[in-house]
Amino acid sequence: MKIIRKETAPRYKRDSITSYLLAGSTTTGARYVTTTLVEMDPGGIQKVHAHPTEQCYMILQGQGRMTVADTCQQVKEGDTIFIPSNTPHGLENTAPTVLRYLSAGSPTFGDREPDLWPLPPLADS
């Protein structure tokens, strides 16, 4: 059994966003799924981007404006958004509180994980 704790997970911090790599190739040896926990400060923006990994975002706390392809909609706690492979997507926190979501993607980000989540765990900071 592998248990990954937020405090000991690789992470990145940029543009008012902190992303923690939970289950992935480098943390658990996963071959088919990557999961992350993302915390976005008020006003934070995840710039529109695309990648081969398809994803689902489950909004755990807060609300924001999600863009997937040519569609932009408000999302809130309890919503799950599916993002097809290679589809441009981004998210903006439109609330005065932290926006927190869990992301699950398949296949994993694989060899790109150390570049995408380069910071050491919080316990080592």
Protein backbone atom coordinates (compact mmCIF):
# COMPACT_ATOMS: atom_id res chain seq x y z
CA MET A 1 0.00 0.00 0.00
CA LYS A 2 1.27 3.46 -0.94
CA ILE A 3 -0.02 6.44 1.04
CA ILE A 4 0.96 9.85 -0.30
CA ARG A 5 0.52 12.81 2.00
CA LYS A 6 0.19 16.35 0.73
CA GLU A 7 3.08 17.47 2.94
CA THR A 8 5.45 14.90 1.41
CA ALA A 9 4.31 15.14 -2.21
CA PRO A 10 6.34 16.82 -4.97
CA ARG A 11 4.74 20.14 -5.87
CA TYR A 12 4.88 23.25 -7.98
CA LYS A 13 3.93 26.79 -7.04
CA ARG A 14 3.26 29.46 -9.65
CA ASP A 15 0.62 32.03 -10.58
CA SER A 16 -1.09 31.78 -7.14
CA ILE A 17 -1.46 27.99 -7.59
CA THR A 18 0.09 25.13 -5.65
CA SER A 19 -0.22 21.66 -7.17
CA TYR A 20 0.70 18.52 -5.24
CA LEU A 21 1.55 15.35 -7.19
CA LEU A 22 -0.20 12.57 -5.29
CA ALA A 23 -0.35 9.29 -7.26
CA GLY A 24 1.82 9.27 -10.36
CA SER A 25 4.68 7.50 -12.04
CA THR A 26 7.33 9.00 -9.78
CA THR A 27 5.42 8.81 -6.48
CA THR A 28 3.74 5.41 -6.69
CA GLY A 29 4.89 3.77 -9.91
CA ALA A 30 1.42 4.32 -11.40
CA ARG A 31 1.19 3.55 -15.10
CA TYR A 32 -2.36 4.57 -15.91
CA VAL A 33 -3.41 7.46 -13.68
CA THR A 34 -2.00 10.67 -12.20
CA THR A 35 -3.82 12.40 -9.34
CA THR A 36 -3.07 15.86 -8.02
CA LEU A 37 -4.48 18.18 -5.39
CA VAL A 38 -4.51 21.81 -6.52
CA GLU A 39 -5.03 24.87 -4.33
CA MET A 40 -5.65 28.18 -6.07
CA ASP A 41 -5.62 31.50 -4.22
CA PRO A 42 -8.36 34.07 -4.86
CA GLY A 43 -7.80 35.60 -8.30
CA GLY A 44 -5.46 32.74 -9.28
CA ILE A 45 -5.42 31.66 -12.91
CA GLN A 46 -4.39 28.37 -14.42
CA LYS A 47 -3.46 29.47 -17.94
CA VAL A 48 -5.12 27.68 -20.84
CA HIS A 49 -2.97 24.73 -21.87
CA ALA A 50 -3.31 21.26 -23.40
CA HIS A 51 -1.61 17.88 -23.06
CA PRO A 52 -2.14 14.26 -24.17
CA THR A 53 -3.36 13.19 -20.71
CA GLU A 54 -7.14 13.38 -20.38
CA GLN A 55 -8.36 14.68 -17.03
CA CYS A 56 -11.26 15.12 -14.66
CA TYR A 57 -11.30 17.99 -12.18
CA MET A 58 -13.48 17.54 -9.08
CA ILE A 59 -14.07 20.88 -7.34
CA LEU A 60 -13.71 20.22 -3.62
CA GLN A 61 -13.98 23.80 -2.35
CA GLY A 62 -14.72 27.21 -3.83
CA GLN A 63 -15.79 28.27 -7.28
CA GLY A 64 -14.35 29.54 -10.50
CA ARG A 65 -14.61 29.90 -14.25
CA MET A 66 -13.53 26.83 -16.24
CA THR A 67 -12.60 26.91 -19.90
CA VAL A 68 -12.58 23.69 -21.94
CA ALA A 69 -12.08 24.11 -25.70
CA ASP A 70 -14.43 26.94 -26.76
CA THR A 71 -16.72 26.71 -23.73
CA CYS A 72 -16.43 28.74 -20.53
CA GLN A 73 -18.68 28.03 -17.52
CA GLN A 74 -18.90 28.75 -13.81
CA VAL A 75 -18.00 25.73 -11.67
CA LYS A 76 -18.41 25.19 -7.93
CA GLU A 77 -17.92 22.71 -5.12
CA GLY A 78 -19.25 19.29 -6.12
CA ASP A 79 -18.81 19.78 -9.88
CA THR A 80 -16.68 17.40 -11.95
CA ILE A 81 -15.34 18.57 -15.30
CA PHE A 82 -14.08 16.15 -17.97
CA ILE A 83 -11.25 17.38 -20.20
CA PRO A 84 -10.55 15.28 -23.32
CA SER A 85 -6.98 14.55 -24.40
CA ASN A 86 -5.18 17.46 -26.17
CA THR A 87 -8.06 19.86 -25.44
CA PRO A 88 -7.18 23.42 -24.34
CA HIS A 89 -8.36 24.08 -20.78
CA GLY A 90 -7.83 26.48 -17.91
CA LEU A 91 -9.40 27.64 -14.67
CA GLU A 92 -9.75 30.96 -12.85
CA ASN A 93 -10.65 31.34 -9.17
CA THR A 94 -13.45 33.93 -9.16
CA ALA A 95 -14.21 33.67 -5.42
CA PRO A 96 -12.67 35.48 -2.44
CA THR A 97 -11.64 32.09 -0.97
CA VAL A 98 -9.26 29.29 -1.96
CA LEU A 99 -10.38 27.08 -4.84
CA ARG A 100 -9.35 23.47 -4.23
CA TYR A 101 -9.74 20.62 -6.72
CA LEU A 102 -8.61 17.06 -7.22
CA SER A 103 -7.43 16.14 -10.70
CA ALA A 104 -7.26 12.61 -12.10
CA GLY A 105 -5.59 12.08 -15.47
CA SER A 106 -4.86 9.13 -17.72
CA PRO A 107 -2.40 8.08 -18.86
CA THR A 108 0.15 9.41 -16.37
CA PHE A 109 2.37 12.37 -17.17
CA GLY A 110 5.23 9.84 -16.94
CA ASP A 111 8.74 11.15 -17.58
CA ARG A 112 7.43 14.76 -17.54
CA GLU A 113 6.45 14.58 -13.84
CA PRO A 114 9.78 15.84 -12.41
CA ASP A 115 9.59 18.87 -14.73
CA LEU A 116 5.94 19.57 -13.93
CA TRP A 117 6.26 19.09 -10.13
CA PRO A 118 9.86 20.15 -9.44
CA LEU A 119 9.71 21.42 -5.86
CA PRO A 120 10.62 19.24 -2.91
CA PRO A 121 7.93 18.17 -0.43
CA LEU A 122 6.84 20.76 2.12
CA ALA A 123 8.48 18.77 4.91
CA ASP A 124 11.86 19.46 3.24
CA SER A 125 11.23 23.18 2.64
